Amino acid sequence: MNNTKFTYTIPQMESIDTTANAFGLSSYTVRKLARSKRGVAFTVKLGNRYLINQAKFAAFLNCEPLEQDTPEPTRPTPSGIQSVPVKL
């Protein structure tokens, strides 16, 4: 067996109401952000409950760039006129 030790940083996850109180926002605002496409960066949904990563939410509010797990693939940009396939 391999005796490798792993260390993990456990994020502080809080409910929508607790996050709203901590940041001085309304629960409605935090809930809307959590359910939006932008909320994917700092929200985890467990069943019907949303948990907010406090550090990532603070970075989001401060307009700091959030870390991406997987970078967007780069596509080569075509130059000139390109043909469009058409089914007849």
PDB file of N, CA and C in Angstrom:
ATOM      1  N   MET A   1       0.831  -1.188   0.000  1.00  0.00           N
ATOM      2  CA  MET A   1       0.000   0.000   0.000  1.00  0.00           C
ATOM      3  C   MET A   1       0.872   1.248   0.000  1.00  0.00           C
ATOM      4  N   ASN A   2       0.343   2.292  -0.549  1.00  0.00           N
ATOM      5  CA  ASN A   2       1.009   3.577  -0.611  1.00  0.00           C
ATOM      6  C   ASN A   2       0.622   4.402   0.616  1.00  0.00           C
ATOM      7  N   ASN A   3       1.599   4.869   1.366  1.00  0.00           N
ATOM      8  CA  ASN A   3       1.331   5.641   2.579  1.00  0.00           C
ATOM      9  C   ASN A   3       1.415   7.141   2.315  1.00  0.00           C
ATOM     10  N   THR A   4       0.744   7.591   1.296  1.00  0.00           N
ATOM     11  CA  THR A   4       0.744   9.003   0.946  1.00  0.00           C
ATOM     12  C   THR A   4      -0.251   9.742   1.823  1.00  0.00           C
ATOM     13  N   LYS A   5       0.180  10.861   2.382  1.00  0.00           N
ATOM     14  CA  LYS A   5      -0.712  11.680   3.199  1.00  0.00           C
ATOM     15  C   LYS A   5      -1.205  12.852   2.374  1.00  0.00           C
ATOM     16  N   PHE A   6      -2.474  13.135   2.497  1.00  0.00           N
ATOM     17  CA  PHE A   6      -3.078  14.253   1.796  1.00  0.00           C
ATOM     18  C   PHE A   6      -3.496  15.304   2.807  1.00  0.00           C
ATOM     19  N   THR A   7      -3.345  16.545   2.437  1.00  0.00           N
ATOM     20  CA  THR A   7      -3.849  17.634   3.271  1.00  0.00           C
ATOM     21  C   THR A   7      -4.900  18.390   2.474  1.00  0.00           C
ATOM     22  N   TYR A   8      -5.998  18.693   3.111  1.00  0.00           N
ATOM     23  CA  TYR A   8      -7.101  19.375   2.466  1.00  0.00           C
ATOM     24  C   TYR A   8      -7.419  20.656   3.216  1.00  0.00           C
ATOM     25  N   THR A   9      -7.774  21.676   2.469  1.00  0.00           N
ATOM     26  CA  THR A   9      -8.274  22.899   3.062  1.00  0.00           C
ATOM     27  C   THR A   9      -9.789  22.836   2.984  1.00  0.00           C
ATOM     28  N   ILE A  10     -10.430  22.807   4.128  1.00  0.00           N
ATOM     29  CA  ILE A  10     -11.880  22.699   4.168  1.00  0.00           C
ATOM     30  C   ILE A  10     -12.468  24.109   4.143  1.00  0.00           C
ATOM     31  N   PRO A  11     -13.266  24.425   3.121  1.00  0.00           N
ATOM     32  CA  PRO A  11     -13.833  25.769   3.032  1.00  0.00           C
ATOM     33  C   PRO A  11     -14.965  25.954   4.043  1.00  0.00           C
ATOM     34  N   GLN A  12     -15.173  27.202   4.419  1.00  0.00           N
ATOM     35  CA  GLN A  12     -16.276  27.514   5.322  1.00  0.00           C
ATOM     36  C   GLN A  12     -17.530  27.691   4.472  1.00  0.00           C
ATOM     37  N   MET A  13     -18.455  26.762   4.614  1.00  0.00           N
ATOM     38  CA  MET A  13     -19.697  26.784   3.855  1.00  0.00           C
ATOM     39  C   MET A  13     -20.836  27.172   4.796  1.00  0.00           C
ATOM     40  N   GLU A  14     -21.639  28.123   4.372  1.00  0.00           N
ATOM     41  CA  GLU A  14     -22.748  28.604   5.196  1.00  0.00           C
ATOM     42  C   GLU A  14     -24.029  28.623   4.370  1.00  0.00           C
ATOM     43  N   SER A  15     -25.158  28.684   5.070  1.00  0.00           N
ATOM     44  CA  SER A  15     -26.455  28.753   4.408  1.00  0.00           C
ATOM     45  C   SER A  15     -26.669  30.138   3.814  1.00  0.00           C
ATOM     46  N   ILE A  16     -27.728  30.287   3.058  1.00  0.00           N
ATOM     47  CA  ILE A  16     -28.042  31.568   2.432  1.00  0.00           C
ATOM     48  C   ILE A  16     -28.321  32.630   3.482  1.00  0.00           C
ATOM     49  N   ASP A  17     -29.112  32.302   4.505  1.00  0.00           N
ATOM     50  CA  ASP A  17     -29.444  33.285   5.538  1.00  0.00           C
ATOM     51  C   ASP A  17     -28.213  33.719   6.331  1.00  0.00           C
ATOM     52  N   THR A  18     -27.350  32.770   6.681  1.00  0.00           N
ATOM     53  CA  THR A  18     -26.137  33.103   7.425  1.00  0.00           C
ATOM     54  C   THR A  18     -25.205  33.970   6.585  1.00  0.00           C
ATOM     55  N   THR A  19     -25.085  33.653   5.297  1.00  0.00           N
ATOM     56  CA  THR A  19     -24.252  34.444   4.389  1.00  0.00           C
ATOM     57  C   THR A  19     -24.812  35.856   4.242  1.00  0.00           C
ATOM     58  N   ALA A  20     -26.124  35.959   4.106  1.00  0.00           N
ATOM     59  CA  ALA A  20     -26.750  37.276   3.972  1.00  0.00           C
ATOM     60  C   ALA A  20     -26.482  38.134   5.202  1.00  0.00           C
ATOM     61  N   ASN A  21     -26.595  37.566   6.388  1.00  0.00           N
ATOM     62  CA  ASN A  21     -26.332  38.318   7.618  1.00  0.00           C
ATOM     63  C   ASN A  21     -24.859  38.702   7.735  1.00  0.00           C
ATOM     64  N   ALA A  22     -23.965  37.811   7.352  1.00  0.00           N
ATOM     65  CA  ALA A  22     -22.532  38.078   7.467  1.00  0.00           C
ATOM     66  C   ALA A  22     -22.078  39.194   6.535  1.00  0.00           C
ATOM     67  N   PHE A  23     -22.675  39.282   5.334  1.00  0.00           N
ATOM     68  CA  PHE A  23     -22.244  40.265   4.353  1.00  0.00           C
ATOM     69  C   PHE A  23     -23.153  41.493   4.289  1.00  0.00           C
ATOM     70  N   GLY A  24     -24.184  41.524   5.112  1.00  0.00           N
ATOM     71  CA  GLY A  24     -25.078  42.677   5.135  1.00  0.00           C
ATOM     72  C   GLY A  24     -25.958  42.782   3.904  1.00  0.00           C
ATOM     73  N   LEU A  25     -26.329  41.654   3.342  1.00  0.00           N
ATOM     74  CA  LEU A  25     -27.197  41.613   2.171  1.00  0.00           C
ATOM     75  C   LEU A  25     -28.525  40.981   2.541  1.00  0.00           C
ATOM     76  N   SER A  26     -29.509  41.120   1.684  1.00  0.00           N
ATOM     77  CA  SER A  26     -30.779  40.460   1.939  1.00  0.00           C
ATOM     78  C   SER A  26     -30.688  38.991   1.526  1.00  0.00           C
ATOM     79  N   SER A  27     -31.491  38.171   2.159  1.00  0.00           N
ATOM     80  CA  SER A  27     -31.518  36.745   1.804  1.00  0.00           C
ATOM     81  C   SER A  27     -31.968  36.560   0.368  1.00  0.00           C
ATOM     82  N   TYR A  28     -32.879  37.405  -0.082  1.00  0.00           N
ATOM     83  CA  TYR A  28     -33.373  37.344  -1.458  1.00  0.00           C
ATOM     84  C   TYR A  28     -32.233  37.549  -2.454  1.00  0.00           C
ATOM     85  N   THR A  29     -31.362  38.532  -2.195  1.00  0.00           N
ATOM     86  CA  THR A  29     -30.243  38.829  -3.085  1.00  0.00           C
ATOM     87  C   THR A  29     -29.260  37.665  -3.143  1.00  0.00           C
ATOM     88  N   VAL A  30     -28.911  37.125  -1.998  1.00  0.00           N
ATOM     89  CA  VAL A  30     -27.964  36.003  -1.954  1.00  0.00           C
ATOM     90  C   VAL A  30     -28.566  34.778  -2.631  1.00  0.00           C
ATOM     91  N   ARG A  31     -29.853  34.540  -2.424  1.00  0.00           N
ATOM     92  CA  ARG A  31     -30.524  33.401  -3.046  1.00  0.00           C
ATOM     93  C   ARG A  31     -30.527  33.545  -4.570  1.00  0.00           C
ATOM     94  N   LYS A  32     -30.825  34.745  -5.064  1.00  0.00           N
ATOM     95  CA  LYS A  32     -30.823  34.973  -6.510  1.00  0.00           C
ATOM     96  C   LYS A  32     -29.422  34.770  -7.091  1.00  0.00           C
ATOM     97  N   LEU A  33     -28.387  35.253  -6.389  1.00  0.00           N
ATOM     98  CA  LEU A  33     -27.017  35.046  -6.858  1.00  0.00           C
ATOM     99  C   LEU A  33     -26.652  33.570  -6.850  1.00  0.00           C
ATOM    100  N   ALA A  34     -27.055  32.847  -5.815  1.00  0.00           N
ATOM    101  CA  ALA A  34     -26.725  31.421  -5.704  1.00  0.00           C
ATOM    102  C   ALA A  34     -27.358  30.618  -6.825  1.00  0.00           C
ATOM    103  N   ARG A  35     -28.553  30.995  -7.233  1.00  0.00           N
ATOM    104  CA  ARG A  35     -29.264  30.258  -8.278  1.00  0.00           C
ATOM    105  C   ARG A  35     -28.857  30.672  -9.681  1.00  0.00           C
ATOM    106  N   SER A  36     -28.134  31.773  -9.814  1.00  0.00           N
ATOM    107  CA  SER A  36     -27.758  32.276 -11.134  1.00  0.00           C
ATOM    108  C   SER A  36     -26.556  31.506 -11.684  1.00  0.00           C
ATOM    109  N   LYS A  37     -26.232  31.762 -12.943  1.00  0.00           N
ATOM    110  CA  LYS A  37     -25.065  31.129 -13.564  1.00  0.00           C
ATOM    111  C   LYS A  37     -23.778  31.591 -12.897  1.00  0.00           C
ATOM    112  N   ARG A  38     -23.739  32.831 -12.436  1.00  0.00           N
ATOM    113  CA  ARG A  38     -22.549  33.343 -11.746  1.00  0.00           C
ATOM    114  C   ARG A  38     -22.360  32.664 -10.395  1.00  0.00           C
ATOM    115  N   GLY A  39     -23.429  32.174  -9.801  1.00  0.00           N
ATOM    116  CA  GLY A  39     -23.357  31.536  -8.494  1.00  0.00           C
ATOM    117  C   GLY A  39     -22.683  30.184  -8.484  1.00  0.00           C
ATOM    118  N   VAL A  40     -22.494  29.606  -9.653  1.00  0.00           N
ATOM    119  CA  VAL A  40     -21.834  28.301  -9.747  1.00  0.00           C
ATOM    120  C   VAL A  40     -20.428  28.369  -9.166  1.00  0.00           C
ATOM    121  N   ALA A  41     -19.798  29.531  -9.219  1.00  0.00           N
ATOM    122  CA  ALA A  41     -18.425  29.692  -8.752  1.00  0.00           C
ATOM    123  C   ALA A  41     -18.286  29.573  -7.242  1.00  0.00           C
ATOM    124  N   PHE A  42     -19.360  29.836  -6.486  1.00  0.00           N
ATOM    125  CA  PHE A  42     -19.245  29.834  -5.028  1.00  0.00           C
ATOM    126  C   PHE A  42     -20.367  29.079  -4.328  1.00  0.00           C
ATOM    127  N   THR A  43     -21.223  28.388  -5.057  1.00  0.00           N
ATOM    128  CA  THR A  43     -22.389  27.728  -4.480  1.00  0.00           C
ATOM    129  C   THR A  43     -22.353  26.223  -4.715  1.00  0.00           C
ATOM    130  N   VAL A  44     -22.789  25.478  -3.706  1.00  0.00           N
ATOM    131  CA  VAL A  44     -22.972  24.035  -3.823  1.00  0.00           C
ATOM    132  C   VAL A  44     -24.413  23.739  -3.430  1.00  0.00           C
ATOM    133  N   LYS A  45     -25.113  22.965  -4.258  1.00  0.00           N
ATOM    134  CA  LYS A  45     -26.488  22.608  -3.947  1.00  0.00           C
ATOM    135  C   LYS A  45     -26.520  21.177  -3.433  1.00  0.00           C
ATOM    136  N   LEU A  46     -27.042  21.017  -2.241  1.00  0.00           N
ATOM    137  CA  LEU A  46     -27.200  19.700  -1.627  1.00  0.00           C
ATOM    138  C   LEU A  46     -28.682  19.469  -1.401  1.00  0.00           C
ATOM    139  N   GLY A  47     -29.269  18.606  -2.217  1.00  0.00           N
ATOM    140  CA  GLY A  47     -30.705  18.400  -2.128  1.00  0.00           C
ATOM    141  C   GLY A  47     -31.424  19.663  -2.564  1.00  0.00           C
ATOM    142  N   ASN A  48     -32.213  20.238  -1.672  1.00  0.00           N
ATOM    143  CA  ASN A  48     -32.881  21.498  -1.987  1.00  0.00           C
ATOM    144  C   ASN A  48     -32.260  22.661  -1.223  1.00  0.00           C
ATOM    145  N   ARG A  49     -31.067  22.471  -0.716  1.00  0.00           N
ATOM    146  CA  ARG A  49     -30.386  23.476   0.101  1.00  0.00           C
ATOM    147  C   ARG A  49     -29.127  23.982  -0.596  1.00  0.00           C
ATOM    148  N   TYR A  50     -28.900  25.288  -0.536  1.00  0.00           N
ATOM    149  CA  TYR A  50     -27.712  25.896  -1.113  1.00  0.00           C
ATOM    150  C   TYR A  50     -26.724  26.231  -0.005  1.00  0.00           C
ATOM    151  N   LEU A  51     -25.457  25.892  -0.221  1.00  0.00           N
ATOM    152  CA  LEU A  51     -24.389  26.276   0.689  1.00  0.00           C
ATOM    153  C   LEU A  51     -23.431  27.187  -0.063  1.00  0.00           C
ATOM    154  N   ILE A  52     -23.020  28.263   0.600  1.00  0.00           N
ATOM    155  CA  ILE A  52     -22.191  29.281  -0.019  1.00  0.00           C
ATOM    156  C   ILE A  52     -20.786  29.205   0.566  1.00  0.00           C
ATOM    157  N   ASN A  53     -19.774  29.119  -0.306  1.00  0.00           N
ATOM    158  CA  ASN A  53     -18.379  29.170   0.111  1.00  0.00           C
ATOM    159  C   ASN A  53     -18.065  30.630   0.445  1.00  0.00           C
ATOM    160  N   GLN A  54     -17.784  30.903   1.700  1.00  0.00           N
ATOM    161  CA  GLN A  54     -17.629  32.273   2.181  1.00  0.00           C
ATOM    162  C   GLN A  54     -16.452  33.001   1.537  1.00  0.00           C
ATOM    163  N   ALA A  55     -15.322  32.338   1.391  1.00  0.00           N
ATOM    164  CA  ALA A  55     -14.142  32.973   0.811  1.00  0.00           C
ATOM    165  C   ALA A  55     -14.374  33.316  -0.665  1.00  0.00           C
ATOM    166  N   LYS A  56     -14.969  32.402  -1.415  1.00  0.00           N
ATOM    167  CA  LYS A  56     -15.216  32.652  -2.828  1.00  0.00           C
ATOM    168  C   LYS A  56     -16.312  33.688  -3.028  1.00  0.00           C
ATOM    169  N   PHE A  57     -17.293  33.721  -2.122  1.00  0.00           N
ATOM    170  CA  PHE A  57     -18.346  34.722  -2.210  1.00  0.00           C
ATOM    171  C   PHE A  57     -17.779  36.117  -1.954  1.00  0.00           C
ATOM    172  N   ALA A  58     -16.885  36.228  -0.977  1.00  0.00           N
ATOM    173  CA  ALA A  58     -16.240  37.513  -0.689  1.00  0.00           C
ATOM    174  C   ALA A  58     -15.406  37.958  -1.891  1.00  0.00           C
ATOM    175  N   ALA A  59     -14.685  37.030  -2.528  1.00  0.00           N
ATOM    176  CA  ALA A  59     -13.896  37.362  -3.712  1.00  0.00           C
ATOM    177  C   ALA A  59     -14.809  37.806  -4.853  1.00  0.00           C
ATOM    178  N   PHE A  60     -15.962  37.170  -4.982  1.00  0.00           N
ATOM    179  CA  PHE A  60     -16.929  37.544  -6.013  1.00  0.00           C
ATOM    180  C   PHE A  60     -17.434  38.968  -5.786  1.00  0.00           C
ATOM    181  N   LEU A  61     -17.759  39.292  -4.541  1.00  0.00           N
ATOM    182  CA  LEU A  61     -18.250  40.636  -4.229  1.00  0.00           C
ATOM    183  C   LEU A  61     -17.173  41.699  -4.416  1.00  0.00           C
ATOM    184  N   ASN A  62     -15.913  41.327  -4.243  1.00  0.00           N
ATOM    185  CA  ASN A  62     -14.794  42.257  -4.432  1.00  0.00           C
ATOM    186  C   ASN A  62     -14.307  42.309  -5.874  1.00  0.00           C
ATOM    187  N   CYS A  63     -15.025  41.643  -6.775  1.00  0.00           N
ATOM    188  CA  CYS A  63     -14.696  41.612  -8.217  1.00  0.00           C
ATOM    189  C   CYS A  63     -13.317  41.028  -8.482  1.00  0.00           C
ATOM    190  N   GLU A  64     -12.898  40.095  -7.643  1.00  0.00           N
ATOM    191  CA  GLU A  64     -11.629  39.410  -7.871  1.00  0.00           C
ATOM    192  C   GLU A  64     -11.870  38.240  -8.813  1.00  0.00           C
ATOM    193  N   PRO A  65     -10.899  37.921  -9.655  1.00  0.00           N
ATOM    194  CA  PRO A  65     -11.093  36.777 -10.549  1.00  0.00           C
ATOM    195  C   PRO A  65     -11.155  35.483  -9.749  1.00  0.00           C
ATOM    196  N   LEU A  66     -12.129  34.656 -10.072  1.00  0.00           N
ATOM    197  CA  LEU A  66     -12.284  33.376  -9.387  1.00  0.00           C
ATOM    198  C   LEU A  66     -11.515  32.309 -10.125  1.00  0.00           C
ATOM    199  N   GLU A  67     -10.976  31.351  -9.385  1.00  0.00           N
ATOM    200  CA  GLU A  67     -10.220  30.258  -9.988  1.00  0.00           C
ATOM    201  C   GLU A  67     -11.171  29.352 -10.744  1.00  0.00           C
ATOM    202  N   GLN A  68     -10.739  28.920 -11.902  1.00  0.00           N
ATOM    203  CA  GLN A  68     -11.512  27.984 -12.705  1.00  0.00           C
ATOM    204  C   GLN A  68     -10.889  26.603 -12.575  1.00  0.00           C
ATOM    205  N   ASP A  69     -11.729  25.591 -12.394  1.00  0.00           N
ATOM    206  CA  ASP A  69     -11.225  24.226 -12.298  1.00  0.00           C
ATOM    207  C   ASP A  69     -10.642  23.767 -13.633  1.00  0.00           C
ATOM    208  N   THR A  70     -11.358  24.054 -14.705  1.00  0.00           N
ATOM    209  CA  THR A  70     -10.868  23.682 -16.021  1.00  0.00           C
ATOM    210  C   THR A  70     -10.887  24.918 -16.904  1.00  0.00           C
ATOM    211  N   PRO A  71      -9.775  25.223 -17.542  1.00  0.00           N
ATOM    212  CA  PRO A  71      -9.749  26.401 -18.405  1.00  0.00           C
ATOM    213  C   PRO A  71     -10.584  26.181 -19.664  1.00  0.00           C
ATOM    214  N   GLU A  72     -11.081  27.258 -20.208  1.00  0.00           N
ATOM    215  CA  GLU A  72     -11.834  27.184 -21.450  1.00  0.00           C
ATOM    216  C   GLU A  72     -10.903  26.751 -22.578  1.00  0.00           C
ATOM    217  N   PRO A  73     -11.356  25.850 -23.422  1.00  0.00           N
ATOM    218  CA  PRO A  73     -10.500  25.442 -24.539  1.00  0.00           C
ATOM    219  C   PRO A  73     -10.369  26.590 -25.529  1.00  0.00           C
ATOM    220  N   THR A  74      -9.187  26.727 -26.090  1.00  0.00           N
ATOM    221  CA  THR A  74      -8.967  27.769 -27.083  1.00  0.00           C
ATOM    222  C   THR A  74      -9.272  27.208 -28.458  1.00  0.00           C
ATOM    223  N   ARG A  75     -10.023  27.961 -29.207  1.00  0.00           N
ATOM    224  CA  ARG A  75     -10.388  27.539 -30.549  1.00  0.00           C
ATOM    225  C   ARG A  75      -9.630  28.396 -31.553  1.00  0.00           C
ATOM    226  N   PRO A  76      -9.117  27.773 -32.578  1.00  0.00           N
ATOM    227  CA  PRO A  76      -8.435  28.578 -33.590  1.00  0.00           C
ATOM    228  C   PRO A  76      -9.448  29.457 -34.315  1.00  0.00           C
ATOM    229  N   THR A  77      -9.077  30.686 -34.550  1.00  0.00           N
ATOM    230  CA  THR A  77      -9.976  31.601 -35.239  1.00  0.00           C
ATOM    231  C   THR A  77      -9.768  31.453 -36.740  1.00  0.00           C
ATOM    232  N   PRO A  78     -10.861  31.183 -37.453  1.00  0.00           N
ATOM    233  CA  PRO A  78     -10.718  31.044 -38.907  1.00  0.00           C
ATOM    234  C   PRO A  78     -10.516  32.419 -39.532  1.00  0.00           C
ATOM    235  N   SER A  79      -9.750  32.434 -40.590  1.00  0.00           N
ATOM    236  CA  SER A  79      -9.529  33.698 -41.305  1.00  0.00           C
ATOM    237  C   SER A  79     -10.114  33.564 -42.711  1.00  0.00           C
ATOM    238  N   GLY A  80     -10.668  34.627 -43.181  1.00  0.00           N
ATOM    239  CA  GLY A  80     -11.239  34.610 -44.529  1.00  0.00           C
ATOM    240  C   GLY A  80     -12.651  34.078 -44.539  1.00  0.00           C
ATOM    241  N   ILE A  81     -13.123  33.797 -45.735  1.00  0.00           N
ATOM    242  CA  ILE A  81     -14.488  33.295 -45.918  1.00  0.00           C
ATOM    243  C   ILE A  81     -14.476  31.783 -45.715  1.00  0.00           C
ATOM    244  N   GLN A  82     -15.395  31.298 -44.914  1.00  0.00           N
ATOM    245  CA  GLN A  82     -15.515  29.868 -44.627  1.00  0.00           C
ATOM    246  C   GLN A  82     -16.800  29.340 -45.240  1.00  0.00           C
ATOM    247  N   SER A  83     -16.761  28.123 -45.763  1.00  0.00           N
ATOM    248  CA  SER A  83     -17.969  27.524 -46.311  1.00  0.00           C
ATOM    249  C   SER A  83     -18.859  27.024 -45.173  1.00  0.00           C
ATOM    250  N   VAL A  84     -20.159  27.060 -45.427  1.00  0.00           N
ATOM    251  CA  VAL A  84     -21.129  26.616 -44.448  1.00  0.00           C
ATOM    252  C   VAL A  84     -21.786  25.358 -45.002  1.00  0.00           C
ATOM    253  N   PRO A  85     -21.719  24.231 -44.259  1.00  0.00           N
ATOM    254  CA  PRO A  85     -22.347  23.018 -44.766  1.00  0.00           C
ATOM    255  C   PRO A  85     -23.875  23.154 -44.711  1.00  0.00           C
ATOM    256  N   VAL A  86     -24.524  22.770 -45.802  1.00  0.00           N
ATOM    257  CA  VAL A  86     -25.977  22.887 -45.897  1.00  0.00           C
ATOM    258  C   VAL A  86     -26.536  21.536 -46.309  1.00  0.00           C
ATOM    259  N   LYS A  87     -27.591  21.091 -45.601  1.00  0.00           N
ATOM    260  CA  LYS A  87     -28.287  19.862 -45.975  1.00  0.00           C
ATOM    261  C   LYS A  87     -29.448  20.220 -46.862  1.00  0.00           C
ATOM    262  N   LEU A  88     -29.537  19.569 -47.998  1.00  0.00           N
ATOM    263  CA  LEU A  88     -30.669  19.829 -48.909  1.00  0.00           C
ATOM    264  C   LEU A  88     -31.590  18.656 -48.939  1.00  0.00           C
TER     265      LEU A  88
END
